[in-house]
């Protein structure tokens, strides 16, 4: 468990055995080798080791790319990342203005089942001075402002499942006029 106090804790084990883990402060986490830390957490929580990482889902790929875009622009022009609906805690503010530039996304959202919540929450836009792309977390599709589209899962496989290369593909798509 990660907490606001600033520690990583293990509150229980999958196998019911006694926990062998002391709360670990964030500053110490930052100094440790991440692979060793994850291995120690797995062991302390009684989790079996992962033999093979499963394929990413479209939603995970979208969020990984959005995170990478935000990090990439930390020291440059900031990237504005917004969802397709204004989140007003249930007061129904409606669609984000940026959807007007993406007719295919507007159509998809209009056809989506809204019985499980606001369908436009599945769509995201990342924009900076030299970049604009929109994402569908359901399918992993990404659009440029000019209407060109790629699929993140397909592109991810083409670049050997390497996230930096996938980010380069998205940057190239989003930098198109």
C-alpha atoms as a PDB file:
ATOM      1  CA  UNK A   1       0.000   0.000   0.000  1.00  0.00           C
ATOM      2  CA  UNK A   2       1.204   3.498  -0.822  1.00  0.00           C
ATOM      3  CA  UNK A   3       0.020   6.237   1.485  1.00  0.00           C
ATOM      4  CA  UNK A   4       0.005   9.994   1.927  1.00  0.00           C
ATOM      5  CA  UNK A   5       2.201   9.680   4.979  1.00  0.00           C
ATOM      6  CA  UNK A   6       5.058   8.969   2.649  1.00  0.00           C
ATOM      7  CA  UNK A   7       5.650   5.256   3.123  1.00  0.00           C
ATOM      8  CA  UNK A   8       5.126   1.964   1.342  1.00  0.00           C
ATOM      9  CA  UNK A   9       3.517  -0.650   3.577  1.00  0.00           C
ATOM     10  CA  UNK A  10       2.397  -4.272   3.288  1.00  0.00           C
ATOM     11  CA  UNK A  11      -0.795  -4.869   5.286  1.00  0.00           C
ATOM     12  CA  UNK A  12      -1.348  -8.517   4.471  1.00  0.00           C
ATOM     13  CA  UNK A  13      -0.043 -11.512   2.586  1.00  0.00           C
ATOM     14  CA  UNK A  14      -1.815 -13.511  -0.112  1.00  0.00           C
ATOM     15  CA  UNK A  15      -0.827 -16.756   1.636  1.00  0.00           C
ATOM     16  CA  UNK A  16      -1.853 -15.598   5.140  1.00  0.00           C
ATOM     17  CA  UNK A  17       1.684 -15.919   6.540  1.00  0.00           C
ATOM     18  CA  UNK A  18       3.251 -13.367   8.869  1.00  0.00           C
ATOM     19  CA  UNK A  19       4.252 -10.057   7.255  1.00  0.00           C
ATOM     20  CA  UNK A  20       7.978  -9.356   7.111  1.00  0.00           C
ATOM     21  CA  UNK A  21       7.986  -5.723   6.033  1.00  0.00           C
ATOM     22  CA  UNK A  22       8.616  -2.448   7.835  1.00  0.00           C
ATOM     23  CA  UNK A  23       7.093   0.765   6.410  1.00  0.00           C
ATOM     24  CA  UNK A  24       9.551   2.184   3.893  1.00  0.00           C
ATOM     25  CA  UNK A  25       9.774   6.011   3.532  1.00  0.00           C
ATOM     26  CA  UNK A  26       9.601   7.518   0.022  1.00  0.00           C
ATOM     27  CA  UNK A  27      13.077   9.042   0.273  1.00  0.00           C
ATOM     28  CA  UNK A  28      14.507   5.571   0.845  1.00  0.00           C
ATOM     29  CA  UNK A  29      12.416   4.140  -2.012  1.00  0.00           C
ATOM     30  CA  UNK A  30      13.991   6.693  -4.359  1.00  0.00           C
ATOM     31  CA  UNK A  31      17.495   5.498  -3.415  1.00  0.00           C
ATOM     32  CA  UNK A  32      16.797   1.795  -3.987  1.00  0.00           C
ATOM     33  CA  UNK A  33      17.071  -0.320  -7.096  1.00  0.00           C
ATOM     34  CA  UNK A  34      13.461  -0.590  -8.341  1.00  0.00           C
ATOM     35  CA  UNK A  35      13.726  -4.220  -9.500  1.00  0.00           C
ATOM     36  CA  UNK A  36      15.022  -5.275  -6.070  1.00  0.00           C
ATOM     37  CA  UNK A  37      12.338  -3.232  -4.329  1.00  0.00           C
ATOM     38  CA  UNK A  38       9.520  -4.807  -6.381  1.00  0.00           C
ATOM     39  CA  UNK A  39      10.967  -8.261  -5.725  1.00  0.00           C
ATOM     40  CA  UNK A  40      11.076  -7.544  -1.970  1.00  0.00           C
ATOM     41  CA  UNK A  41       7.478  -6.236  -2.032  1.00  0.00           C
ATOM     42  CA  UNK A  42       6.282  -9.336  -3.904  1.00  0.00           C
ATOM     43  CA  UNK A  43       8.030 -11.573  -1.391  1.00  0.00           C
ATOM     44  CA  UNK A  44       6.698  -9.649   1.625  1.00  0.00           C
ATOM     45  CA  UNK A  45       3.136  -9.717   0.269  1.00  0.00           C
ATOM     46  CA  UNK A  46       3.366 -13.437  -0.551  1.00  0.00           C
ATOM     47  CA  UNK A  47       2.838 -12.825  -4.260  1.00  0.00           C
ATOM     48  CA  UNK A  48       4.194 -15.296  -6.797  1.00  0.00           C
ATOM     49  CA  UNK A  49       6.832 -13.918  -9.173  1.00  0.00           C
ATOM     50  CA  UNK A  50       5.587 -12.788 -12.564  1.00  0.00           C
ATOM     51  CA  UNK A  51       6.897 -15.063 -15.304  1.00  0.00           C
ATOM     52  CA  UNK A  52       5.874 -12.874 -18.224  1.00  0.00           C
ATOM     53  CA  UNK A  53       4.338  -9.451 -18.473  1.00  0.00           C
ATOM     54  CA  UNK A  54       0.989  -9.574 -20.220  1.00  0.00           C
ATOM     55  CA  UNK A  55       0.150  -7.416 -23.197  1.00  0.00           C
ATOM     56  CA  UNK A  56      -0.875  -3.874 -22.367  1.00  0.00           C
ATOM     57  CA  UNK A  57      -4.498  -2.862 -22.677  1.00  0.00           C
ATOM     58  CA  UNK A  58      -5.553   0.132 -24.797  1.00  0.00           C
ATOM     59  CA  UNK A  59      -6.400   2.102 -21.637  1.00  0.00           C
ATOM     60  CA  UNK A  60      -2.995   1.412 -20.070  1.00  0.00           C
ATOM     61  CA  UNK A  61      -1.174   2.405 -23.258  1.00  0.00           C
ATOM     62  CA  UNK A  62      -3.120   5.694 -23.449  1.00  0.00           C
ATOM     63  CA  UNK A  63      -2.324   6.563 -19.834  1.00  0.00           C
ATOM     64  CA  UNK A  64       1.344   5.608 -20.235  1.00  0.00           C
ATOM     65  CA  UNK A  65       1.633   7.885 -23.268  1.00  0.00           C
ATOM     66  CA  UNK A  66      -0.214  10.734 -21.527  1.00  0.00           C
ATOM     67  CA  UNK A  67       2.133  10.363 -18.572  1.00  0.00           C
ATOM     68  CA  UNK A  68       5.168  10.342 -20.858  1.00  0.00           C
ATOM     69  CA  UNK A  69       3.905  13.449 -22.679  1.00  0.00           C
ATOM     70  CA  UNK A  70       3.401  15.255 -19.372  1.00  0.00           C
ATOM     71  CA  UNK A  71       6.899  14.304 -18.225  1.00  0.00           C
ATOM     72  CA  UNK A  72       8.470  15.210 -21.540  1.00  0.00           C
ATOM     73  CA  UNK A  73       7.064  18.711 -21.377  1.00  0.00           C
ATOM     74  CA  UNK A  74       7.991  19.326 -17.734  1.00  0.00           C
ATOM     75  CA  UNK A  75      10.864  21.629 -18.610  1.00  0.00           C
ATOM     76  CA  UNK A  76       9.423  23.028 -21.846  1.00  0.00           C
ATOM     77  CA  UNK A  77       6.025  24.414 -22.734  1.00  0.00           C
ATOM     78  CA  UNK A  78       3.608  22.545 -20.492  1.00  0.00           C
ATOM     79  CA  UNK A  79       1.268  20.053 -22.105  1.00  0.00           C
ATOM     80  CA  UNK A  80      -2.415  20.514 -21.334  1.00  0.00           C
ATOM     81  CA  UNK A  81      -4.108  17.163 -20.764  1.00  0.00           C
ATOM     82  CA  UNK A  82      -7.897  17.218 -20.570  1.00  0.00           C
ATOM     83  CA  UNK A  83     -10.682  14.660 -20.752  1.00  0.00           C
ATOM     84  CA  UNK A  84     -13.588  14.828 -23.177  1.00  0.00           C
ATOM     85  CA  UNK A  85     -16.158  15.869 -20.582  1.00  0.00           C
ATOM     86  CA  UNK A  86     -15.987  18.521 -17.923  1.00  0.00           C
ATOM     87  CA  UNK A  87     -15.928  16.795 -14.544  1.00  0.00           C
ATOM     88  CA  UNK A  88     -18.371  18.662 -12.349  1.00  0.00           C
ATOM     89  CA  UNK A  89     -19.042  15.994  -9.716  1.00  0.00           C
ATOM     90  CA  UNK A  90     -22.370  15.035 -11.210  1.00  0.00           C
ATOM     91  CA  UNK A  91     -23.716  18.445 -12.184  1.00  0.00           C
ATOM     92  CA  UNK A  92     -23.559  17.677 -15.921  1.00  0.00           C
ATOM     93  CA  UNK A  93     -21.330  20.366 -17.409  1.00  0.00           C
ATOM     94  CA  UNK A  94     -21.185  18.552 -20.745  1.00  0.00           C
ATOM     95  CA  UNK A  95     -18.549  18.021 -23.397  1.00  0.00           C
ATOM     96  CA  UNK A  96     -15.161  19.683 -23.465  1.00  0.00           C
ATOM     97  CA  UNK A  97     -14.773  22.312 -26.195  1.00  0.00           C
ATOM     98  CA  UNK A  98     -11.855  20.506 -27.843  1.00  0.00           C
ATOM     99  CA  UNK A  99     -14.207  17.730 -29.032  1.00  0.00           C
ATOM    100  CA  UNK A 100     -15.444  20.090 -31.780  1.00  0.00           C
ATOM    101  CA  UNK A 101     -12.128  19.553 -33.608  1.00  0.00           C
ATOM    102  CA  UNK A 102     -12.514  15.742 -33.522  1.00  0.00           C
ATOM    103  CA  UNK A 103     -15.770  14.682 -35.256  1.00  0.00           C
ATOM    104  CA  UNK A 104     -14.976  10.959 -35.097  1.00  0.00           C
ATOM    105  CA  UNK A 105     -14.636  11.129 -31.311  1.00  0.00           C
ATOM    106  CA  UNK A 106     -17.895  13.097 -31.021  1.00  0.00           C
ATOM    107  CA  UNK A 107     -19.642  10.375 -33.044  1.00  0.00           C
ATOM    108  CA  UNK A 108     -18.175   7.565 -30.951  1.00  0.00           C
ATOM    109  CA  UNK A 109     -19.173   9.274 -27.694  1.00  0.00           C
ATOM    110  CA  UNK A 110     -22.703   9.913 -28.976  1.00  0.00           C
ATOM    111  CA  UNK A 111     -23.141   6.202 -29.836  1.00  0.00           C
ATOM    112  CA  UNK A 112     -21.622   4.929 -26.567  1.00  0.00           C
ATOM    113  CA  UNK A 113     -23.672   3.366 -23.783  1.00  0.00           C
ATOM    114  CA  UNK A 114     -24.082   6.050 -21.116  1.00  0.00           C
ATOM    115  CA  UNK A 115     -25.740   3.772 -18.544  1.00  0.00           C
ATOM    116  CA  UNK A 116     -22.346   3.294 -16.834  1.00  0.00           C
ATOM    117  CA  UNK A 117     -21.434   6.976 -16.669  1.00  0.00           C
ATOM    118  CA  UNK A 118     -20.282   9.767 -18.930  1.00  0.00           C
ATOM    119  CA  UNK A 119     -18.885   8.189 -22.151  1.00  0.00           C
ATOM    120  CA  UNK A 120     -16.750  11.249 -22.935  1.00  0.00           C
ATOM    121  CA  UNK A 121     -14.579  10.482 -19.882  1.00  0.00           C
ATOM    122  CA  UNK A 122     -12.949   7.803 -22.078  1.00  0.00           C
ATOM    123  CA  UNK A 123     -11.491  10.447 -24.404  1.00  0.00           C
ATOM    124  CA  UNK A 124      -8.441  12.582 -23.691  1.00  0.00           C
ATOM    125  CA  UNK A 125      -6.559  15.365 -25.448  1.00  0.00           C
ATOM    126  CA  UNK A 126      -2.943  16.406 -25.035  1.00  0.00           C
ATOM    127  CA  UNK A 127      -1.983  19.798 -26.457  1.00  0.00           C
ATOM    128  CA  UNK A 128       1.063  22.039 -26.339  1.00  0.00           C
ATOM    129  CA  UNK A 129       2.457  24.729 -28.612  1.00  0.00           C
ATOM    130  CA  UNK A 130       3.830  22.162 -31.076  1.00  0.00           C
ATOM    131  CA  UNK A 131       1.584  19.153 -30.402  1.00  0.00           C
ATOM    132  CA  UNK A 132      -2.060  18.133 -30.405  1.00  0.00           C
ATOM    133  CA  UNK A 133      -3.451  14.605 -30.197  1.00  0.00           C
ATOM    134  CA  UNK A 134      -6.639  13.021 -28.877  1.00  0.00           C
ATOM    135  CA  UNK A 135      -7.038   9.520 -27.429  1.00  0.00           C
ATOM    136  CA  UNK A 136      -9.748   6.884 -27.018  1.00  0.00           C
ATOM    137  CA  UNK A 137      -9.011   4.762 -23.932  1.00  0.00           C
ATOM    138  CA  UNK A 138     -11.488   2.093 -25.063  1.00  0.00           C
ATOM    139  CA  UNK A 139      -9.687   1.280 -28.319  1.00  0.00           C
ATOM    140  CA  UNK A 140      -6.263   2.892 -27.988  1.00  0.00           C
ATOM    141  CA  UNK A 141      -6.888   5.020 -31.091  1.00  0.00           C
ATOM    142  CA  UNK A 142      -5.034   8.345 -31.356  1.00  0.00           C
ATOM    143  CA  UNK A 143      -5.933  11.225 -33.686  1.00  0.00           C
ATOM    144  CA  UNK A 144      -3.982  14.222 -34.875  1.00  0.00           C
ATOM    145  CA  UNK A 145      -5.789  17.532 -35.259  1.00  0.00           C
ATOM    146  CA  UNK A 146      -5.685  16.981 -39.041  1.00  0.00           C
ATOM    147  CA  UNK A 147      -7.708  13.768 -38.648  1.00  0.00           C
ATOM    148  CA  UNK A 148      -4.948  11.187 -39.087  1.00  0.00           C
ATOM    149  CA  UNK A 149      -5.369   8.195 -36.800  1.00  0.00           C
ATOM    150  CA  UNK A 150      -3.225   5.361 -35.470  1.00  0.00           C
ATOM    151  CA  UNK A 151      -3.869   2.599 -32.960  1.00  0.00           C
ATOM    152  CA  UNK A 152      -1.469   2.482 -29.994  1.00  0.00           C
ATOM    153  CA  UNK A 153      -1.555  -1.316 -29.606  1.00  0.00           C
ATOM    154  CA  UNK A 154      -0.729  -1.855 -33.276  1.00  0.00           C
ATOM    155  CA  UNK A 155       1.998   0.797 -33.232  1.00  0.00           C
ATOM    156  CA  UNK A 156       3.381  -0.610 -29.950  1.00  0.00           C
ATOM    157  CA  UNK A 157       3.854  -4.024 -31.554  1.00  0.00           C
ATOM    158  CA  UNK A 158       5.446  -2.455 -34.674  1.00  0.00           C
ATOM    159  CA  UNK A 159       8.069  -0.667 -32.547  1.00  0.00           C
ATOM    160  CA  UNK A 160       8.972  -3.807 -30.605  1.00  0.00           C
ATOM    161  CA  UNK A 161       6.883  -2.967 -27.504  1.00  0.00           C
ATOM    162  CA  UNK A 162       9.238  -0.105 -26.635  1.00  0.00           C
ATOM    163  CA  UNK A 163       7.481   2.833 -25.012  1.00  0.00           C
ATOM    164  CA  UNK A 164      10.031   5.515 -26.029  1.00  0.00           C
ATOM    165  CA  UNK A 165       9.569   4.499 -29.667  1.00  0.00           C
ATOM    166  CA  UNK A 166       5.788   4.538 -29.277  1.00  0.00           C
ATOM    167  CA  UNK A 167       6.031   8.019 -27.783  1.00  0.00           C
ATOM    168  CA  UNK A 168       8.059   9.096 -30.844  1.00  0.00           C
ATOM    169  CA  UNK A 169       5.279   7.788 -33.118  1.00  0.00           C
ATOM    170  CA  UNK A 170       2.667   9.796 -31.180  1.00  0.00           C
ATOM    171  CA  UNK A 171       4.852  12.927 -31.225  1.00  0.00           C
ATOM    172  CA  UNK A 172       5.258  12.606 -34.985  1.00  0.00           C
ATOM    173  CA  UNK A 173       1.505  12.144 -35.433  1.00  0.00           C
ATOM    174  CA  UNK A 174       0.680  15.074 -33.140  1.00  0.00           C
ATOM    175  CA  UNK A 175       3.206  17.386 -34.733  1.00  0.00           C
ATOM    176  CA  UNK A 176       1.581  17.079 -38.186  1.00  0.00           C
ATOM    177  CA  UNK A 177      -0.138  20.180 -39.511  1.00  0.00           C
END
